[in-house]
Amino acid sequence: MTSLLEKISDLNDLVLQGKAMDAFEKYYHQDVSMQENDNPPTLGKENNREREQEFFSSIVEFRGAKPLKVSVGEGVSMVEWYYDYTHIDWGERNYTQVSVQKWKDGQIICEKFYYNY
């Protein structure tokens, strides 16, 4: 049985390899809820898949990403990420973000992103 630390580490490695959508398909639950700060959550894997694809297709220059800190608890993981990219609508972004993932049946059922530009 793969530990939660191994799963989040593999997910992060896939993201760093430019395979974020592969990570999404592998590690996100069919009923996943994803939320940006205090915005309303996006519900369901299909809706979140579309949201993720839209985000990645809007990146015009990607300069880097790095997981800075990873923490794992009982059914929860947290990753502090550093991101540096240019988005077609938002312009240049260089910031840190904390992603909190709640896991169910070996997949992420709920993820919330905390950041401030």
N, C-alpha and C. Protein backbone atom coordinates (compact mmCIF):
# COMPACT_ATOMS: atom_id res chain seq x y z
N MET A 1 0.84 -1.20 0.00
CA MET A 1 0.00 0.00 0.00
C MET A 1 0.89 1.25 0.00
N THR A 2 0.60 2.14 -0.91
CA THR A 2 1.37 3.36 -1.05
C THR A 2 0.95 4.37 0.02
N SER A 3 1.94 4.96 0.68
CA SER A 3 1.64 5.95 1.73
C SER A 3 1.20 7.26 1.10
N LEU A 4 0.55 8.08 1.90
CA LEU A 4 0.11 9.39 1.44
C LEU A 4 1.30 10.25 1.02
N LEU A 5 2.41 10.16 1.74
CA LEU A 5 3.61 10.91 1.38
C LEU A 5 4.12 10.48 0.00
N GLU A 6 4.10 9.19 -0.27
CA GLU A 6 4.52 8.70 -1.59
C GLU A 6 3.59 9.19 -2.69
N LYS A 7 2.30 9.21 -2.40
CA LYS A 7 1.33 9.68 -3.41
C LYS A 7 1.50 11.16 -3.71
N ILE A 8 1.61 12.00 -2.68
CA ILE A 8 1.74 13.43 -2.93
C ILE A 8 3.09 13.73 -3.56
N SER A 9 4.11 12.98 -3.23
CA SER A 9 5.43 13.16 -3.85
C SER A 9 5.37 12.79 -5.33
N ASP A 10 4.68 11.70 -5.67
CA ASP A 10 4.53 11.32 -7.07
C ASP A 10 3.71 12.36 -7.82
N LEU A 11 2.63 12.83 -7.22
CA LEU A 11 1.81 13.87 -7.83
C LEU A 11 2.67 15.10 -8.13
N ASN A 12 3.45 15.55 -7.15
CA ASN A 12 4.31 16.72 -7.33
C ASN A 12 5.34 16.48 -8.43
N ASP A 13 5.92 15.29 -8.48
CA ASP A 13 6.90 14.96 -9.52
C ASP A 13 6.27 15.02 -10.91
N LEU A 14 5.04 14.52 -11.03
CA LEU A 14 4.34 14.58 -12.31
C LEU A 14 4.12 16.03 -12.74
N VAL A 15 3.74 16.88 -11.81
CA VAL A 15 3.55 18.31 -12.11
C VAL A 15 4.86 18.91 -12.60
N LEU A 16 5.96 18.62 -11.92
CA LEU A 16 7.26 19.16 -12.29
C LEU A 16 7.74 18.66 -13.65
N GLN A 17 7.27 17.49 -14.06
CA GLN A 17 7.62 16.93 -15.36
C GLN A 17 6.71 17.46 -16.48
N GLY A 18 5.81 18.39 -16.13
CA GLY A 18 4.88 18.93 -17.12
C GLY A 18 3.70 18.01 -17.38
N LYS A 19 3.42 17.11 -16.45
CA LYS A 19 2.34 16.15 -16.61
C LYS A 19 1.24 16.37 -15.57
N ALA A 20 0.86 17.63 -15.41
CA ALA A 20 -0.15 17.97 -14.40
C ALA A 20 -1.48 17.28 -14.67
N MET A 21 -1.86 17.15 -15.93
CA MET A 21 -3.13 16.51 -16.24
C MET A 21 -3.06 15.00 -16.00
N ASP A 22 -1.90 14.40 -16.20
CA ASP A 22 -1.72 12.98 -15.84
C ASP A 22 -1.89 12.80 -14.34
N ALA A 23 -1.31 13.73 -13.57
CA ALA A 23 -1.45 13.69 -12.11
C ALA A 23 -2.92 13.85 -11.72
N PHE A 24 -3.61 14.75 -12.40
CA PHE A 24 -5.03 14.96 -12.13
C PHE A 24 -5.82 13.68 -12.37
N GLU A 25 -5.59 13.03 -13.48
CA GLU A 25 -6.34 11.80 -13.80
C GLU A 25 -6.03 10.68 -12.81
N LYS A 26 -4.80 10.61 -12.37
CA LYS A 26 -4.38 9.53 -11.48
C LYS A 26 -4.82 9.74 -10.04
N TYR A 27 -4.75 10.97 -9.56
CA TYR A 27 -4.89 11.21 -8.12
C TYR A 27 -6.15 11.96 -7.69
N TYR A 28 -7.00 12.35 -8.60
CA TYR A 28 -8.19 13.11 -8.20
C TYR A 28 -9.44 12.25 -8.30
N HIS A 29 -10.22 12.29 -7.24
CA HIS A 29 -11.46 11.51 -7.09
C HIS A 29 -12.52 12.02 -8.06
N GLN A 30 -13.40 11.15 -8.48
CA GLN A 30 -14.50 11.50 -9.39
C GLN A 30 -15.38 12.62 -8.81
N ASP A 31 -15.52 12.68 -7.49
CA ASP A 31 -16.37 13.68 -6.84
C ASP A 31 -15.56 14.84 -6.25
N VAL A 32 -14.39 15.11 -6.80
CA VAL A 32 -13.50 16.12 -6.22
C VAL A 32 -14.14 17.51 -6.22
N SER A 33 -13.83 18.24 -5.16
CA SER A 33 -14.18 19.65 -5.03
C SER A 33 -12.87 20.42 -4.96
N MET A 34 -12.73 21.44 -5.83
CA MET A 34 -11.52 22.26 -5.84
C MET A 34 -11.93 23.72 -5.68
N GLN A 35 -11.18 24.43 -4.82
CA GLN A 35 -11.57 25.80 -4.46
C GLN A 35 -10.36 26.72 -4.43
N GLU A 36 -10.48 27.88 -5.05
CA GLU A 36 -9.46 28.92 -5.05
C GLU A 36 -9.82 29.94 -3.97
N ASN A 37 -8.96 30.05 -2.94
CA ASN A 37 -9.21 30.97 -1.84
C ASN A 37 -10.64 30.83 -1.34
N ASP A 38 -11.38 31.94 -1.25
CA ASP A 38 -12.76 31.87 -0.77
C ASP A 38 -13.79 31.91 -1.89
N ASN A 39 -13.36 31.67 -3.12
CA ASN A 39 -14.29 31.58 -4.25
C ASN A 39 -15.13 30.33 -4.11
N PRO A 40 -16.28 30.27 -4.77
CA PRO A 40 -17.08 29.05 -4.71
C PRO A 40 -16.29 27.87 -5.29
N PRO A 41 -16.43 26.68 -4.71
CA PRO A 41 -15.70 25.52 -5.23
C PRO A 41 -16.25 25.06 -6.58
N THR A 42 -15.37 24.42 -7.34
CA THR A 42 -15.77 23.74 -8.57
C THR A 42 -15.95 22.28 -8.20
N LEU A 43 -17.11 21.72 -8.54
CA LEU A 43 -17.47 20.37 -8.11
C LEU A 43 -17.39 19.37 -9.25
N GLY A 44 -16.85 18.20 -8.95
CA GLY A 44 -16.80 17.10 -9.90
C GLY A 44 -15.55 17.08 -10.74
N LYS A 45 -15.12 15.89 -11.09
CA LYS A 45 -13.88 15.73 -11.85
C LYS A 45 -13.97 16.35 -13.24
N GLU A 46 -15.09 16.17 -13.92
CA GLU A 46 -15.23 16.71 -15.27
C GLU A 46 -15.13 18.23 -15.27
N ASN A 47 -15.83 18.90 -14.37
CA ASN A 47 -15.78 20.36 -14.28
C ASN A 47 -14.38 20.85 -13.92
N ASN A 48 -13.72 20.14 -13.02
CA ASN A 48 -12.37 20.53 -12.63
C ASN A 48 -11.36 20.22 -13.73
N ARG A 49 -11.57 19.16 -14.47
CA ARG A 49 -10.70 18.85 -15.62
C ARG A 49 -10.75 20.02 -16.61
N GLU A 50 -11.96 20.49 -16.92
CA GLU A 50 -12.11 21.63 -17.85
C GLU A 50 -11.43 22.87 -17.30
N ARG A 51 -11.59 23.12 -16.00
CA ARG A 51 -10.96 24.29 -15.37
C ARG A 51 -9.44 24.20 -15.46
N GLU A 52 -8.90 23.03 -15.16
CA GLU A 52 -7.45 22.84 -15.22
C GLU A 52 -6.93 22.98 -16.65
N GLN A 53 -7.61 22.40 -17.62
CA GLN A 53 -7.18 22.49 -19.02
C GLN A 53 -7.21 23.93 -19.50
N GLU A 54 -8.23 24.67 -19.09
CA GLU A 54 -8.32 26.08 -19.46
C GLU A 54 -7.15 26.87 -18.88
N PHE A 55 -6.82 26.60 -17.60
CA PHE A 55 -5.70 27.28 -16.97
C PHE A 55 -4.40 27.00 -17.72
N PHE A 56 -4.08 25.73 -17.93
CA PHE A 56 -2.81 25.37 -18.56
C PHE A 56 -2.72 25.86 -20.00
N SER A 57 -3.83 25.91 -20.71
CA SER A 57 -3.79 26.39 -22.10
C SER A 57 -3.62 27.91 -22.16
N SER A 58 -3.78 28.60 -21.03
CA SER A 58 -3.63 30.05 -20.97
C SER A 58 -2.25 30.50 -20.52
N ILE A 59 -1.36 29.56 -20.24
CA ILE A 59 0.00 29.90 -19.85
C ILE A 59 0.80 30.17 -21.13
N VAL A 60 1.33 31.38 -21.26
CA VAL A 60 2.09 31.73 -22.46
C VAL A 60 3.59 31.58 -22.25
N GLU A 61 4.04 31.68 -21.00
CA GLU A 61 5.45 31.43 -20.68
C GLU A 61 5.53 30.82 -19.29
N PHE A 62 6.17 29.68 -19.19
CA PHE A 62 6.34 29.01 -17.91
C PHE A 62 7.81 29.07 -17.54
N ARG A 63 8.11 29.73 -16.41
CA ARG A 63 9.49 29.90 -15.99
C ARG A 63 9.88 28.97 -14.85
N GLY A 64 8.91 28.46 -14.09
CA GLY A 64 9.28 27.54 -13.04
C GLY A 64 8.20 27.28 -12.01
N ALA A 65 8.37 26.16 -11.34
CA ALA A 65 7.54 25.75 -10.21
C ALA A 65 8.39 24.87 -9.32
N LYS A 66 8.11 24.95 -8.03
CA LYS A 66 8.89 24.15 -7.09
C LYS A 66 8.09 23.94 -5.82
N PRO A 67 7.97 22.68 -5.38
CA PRO A 67 7.35 22.47 -4.06
C PRO A 67 8.36 22.86 -2.98
N LEU A 68 7.98 23.80 -2.12
CA LEU A 68 8.88 24.29 -1.08
C LEU A 68 8.77 23.49 0.21
N LYS A 69 7.55 23.13 0.56
CA LYS A 69 7.30 22.36 1.79
C LYS A 69 6.16 21.39 1.53
N VAL A 70 6.29 20.20 2.10
CA VAL A 70 5.24 19.18 2.00
C VAL A 70 4.97 18.67 3.41
N SER A 71 3.69 18.56 3.74
CA SER A 71 3.29 18.04 5.04
C SER A 71 2.17 17.03 4.83
N VAL A 72 2.22 15.96 5.61
CA VAL A 72 1.21 14.91 5.50
C VAL A 72 0.68 14.58 6.88
N GLY A 73 -0.64 14.46 6.99
CA GLY A 73 -1.28 14.07 8.24
C GLY A 73 -2.26 12.94 7.96
N GLU A 74 -3.18 12.75 8.85
CA GLU A 74 -4.20 11.70 8.71
C GLU A 74 -5.21 12.09 7.63
N GLY A 75 -5.05 11.54 6.43
CA GLY A 75 -5.98 11.81 5.34
C GLY A 75 -5.87 13.19 4.73
N VAL A 76 -4.78 13.90 5.01
CA VAL A 76 -4.60 15.25 4.48
C VAL A 76 -3.14 15.48 4.12
N SER A 77 -2.94 16.25 3.06
CA SER A 77 -1.58 16.68 2.70
C SER A 77 -1.64 18.17 2.38
N MET A 78 -0.49 18.82 2.54
CA MET A 78 -0.37 20.24 2.24
C MET A 78 0.96 20.46 1.53
N VAL A 79 0.90 21.26 0.48
CA VAL A 79 2.11 21.57 -0.28
C VAL A 79 2.18 23.07 -0.48
N GLU A 80 3.33 23.65 -0.12
CA GLU A 80 3.58 25.05 -0.44
C GLU A 80 4.38 25.06 -1.74
N TRP A 81 3.81 25.68 -2.77
CA TRP A 81 4.41 25.74 -4.09
C TRP A 81 4.91 27.14 -4.38
N TYR A 82 5.98 27.23 -5.14
CA TYR A 82 6.44 28.48 -5.74
C TYR A 82 6.12 28.38 -7.23
N TYR A 83 5.50 29.41 -7.81
CA TYR A 83 5.16 29.44 -9.23
C TYR A 83 5.68 30.73 -9.87
N ASP A 84 6.10 30.59 -11.13
CA ASP A 84 6.56 31.73 -11.91
C ASP A 84 6.16 31.48 -13.37
N TYR A 85 5.19 32.25 -13.88
CA TYR A 85 4.70 32.06 -15.24
C TYR A 85 4.02 33.34 -15.71
N THR A 86 3.72 33.38 -17.00
CA THR A 86 2.92 34.46 -17.58
C THR A 86 1.64 33.85 -18.12
N HIS A 87 0.53 34.42 -17.72
CA HIS A 87 -0.81 33.97 -18.12
C HIS A 87 -1.35 34.96 -19.16
N ILE A 88 -2.04 34.45 -20.14
CA ILE A 88 -2.55 35.28 -21.23
C ILE A 88 -3.46 36.41 -20.74
N ASP A 89 -4.24 36.18 -19.70
CA ASP A 89 -5.16 37.20 -19.19
C ASP A 89 -4.63 37.93 -17.96
N TRP A 90 -3.87 37.24 -17.11
CA TRP A 90 -3.44 37.80 -15.83
C TRP A 90 -2.05 38.41 -15.86
N GLY A 91 -1.32 38.18 -16.92
CA GLY A 91 0.04 38.70 -17.01
C GLY A 91 1.03 37.87 -16.20
N GLU A 92 2.12 38.51 -15.81
CA GLU A 92 3.19 37.81 -15.09
C GLU A 92 2.75 37.49 -13.66
N ARG A 93 2.99 36.25 -13.26
CA ARG A 93 2.68 35.79 -11.91
C ARG A 93 3.92 35.14 -11.31
N ASN A 94 4.24 35.56 -10.11
CA ASN A 94 5.39 35.03 -9.38
C ASN A 94 4.97 35.04 -7.91
N TYR A 95 4.65 33.87 -7.36
CA TYR A 95 4.04 33.82 -6.03
C TYR A 95 4.19 32.44 -5.40
N THR A 96 3.81 32.36 -4.14
CA THR A 96 3.71 31.07 -3.46
C THR A 96 2.24 30.78 -3.21
N GLN A 97 1.93 29.51 -3.20
CA GLN A 97 0.56 29.04 -2.99
C GLN A 97 0.60 27.82 -2.09
N VAL A 98 -0.34 27.73 -1.18
CA VAL A 98 -0.48 26.53 -0.37
C VAL A 98 -1.69 25.77 -0.87
N SER A 99 -1.49 24.49 -1.16
CA SER A 99 -2.57 23.60 -1.59
C SER A 99 -2.81 22.60 -0.48
N VAL A 100 -4.06 22.53 -0.02
CA VAL A 100 -4.45 21.58 1.03
C VAL A 100 -5.34 20.53 0.39
N GLN A 101 -4.91 19.26 0.48
CA GLN A 101 -5.65 18.16 -0.13
C GLN A 101 -6.19 17.22 0.93
N LYS A 102 -7.49 16.95 0.84
CA LYS A 102 -8.10 15.91 1.67
C LYS A 102 -8.27 14.68 0.79
N TRP A 103 -7.90 13.51 1.33
CA TRP A 103 -7.88 12.28 0.55
C TRP A 103 -8.98 11.33 0.99
N LYS A 104 -9.51 10.58 0.00
CA LYS A 104 -10.52 9.55 0.25
C LYS A 104 -10.27 8.43 -0.76
N ASP A 105 -10.19 7.22 -0.28
CA ASP A 105 -10.00 6.06 -1.16
C ASP A 105 -8.77 6.20 -2.04
N GLY A 106 -7.70 6.80 -1.49
CA GLY A 106 -6.44 6.93 -2.21
C GLY A 106 -6.39 8.05 -3.23
N GLN A 107 -7.43 8.91 -3.26
CA GLN A 107 -7.46 10.02 -4.20
C GLN A 107 -7.88 11.30 -3.48
N ILE A 108 -7.59 12.42 -4.11
CA ILE A 108 -7.96 13.72 -3.55
C ILE A 108 -9.45 13.94 -3.78
N ILE A 109 -10.17 14.15 -2.69
CA ILE A 109 -11.61 14.40 -2.74
C ILE A 109 -11.91 15.89 -2.61
N CYS A 110 -10.99 16.62 -1.98
CA CYS A 110 -11.18 18.05 -1.76
C CYS A 110 -9.82 18.74 -1.77
N GLU A 111 -9.70 19.82 -2.53
CA GLU A 111 -8.46 20.58 -2.55
C GLU A 111 -8.79 22.07 -2.52
N LYS A 112 -8.07 22.78 -1.67
CA LYS A 112 -8.26 24.23 -1.58
C LYS A 112 -6.90 24.89 -1.74
N PHE A 113 -6.89 25.95 -2.56
CA PHE A 113 -5.66 26.69 -2.85
C PHE A 113 -5.71 28.03 -2.14
N TYR A 114 -4.64 28.36 -1.42
CA TYR A 114 -4.52 29.63 -0.71
C TYR A 114 -3.35 30.41 -1.31
N TYR A 115 -3.64 31.61 -1.80
CA TYR A 115 -2.59 32.44 -2.38
C TYR A 115 -3.04 33.90 -2.39
N ASN A 116 -2.06 34.78 -2.63
CA ASN A 116 -2.33 36.20 -2.73
C ASN A 116 -1.32 36.76 -3.73
N TYR A 117 -1.80 37.35 -4.80
CA TYR A 117 -0.89 37.91 -5.82
C TYR A 117 -0.37 39.25 -5.37
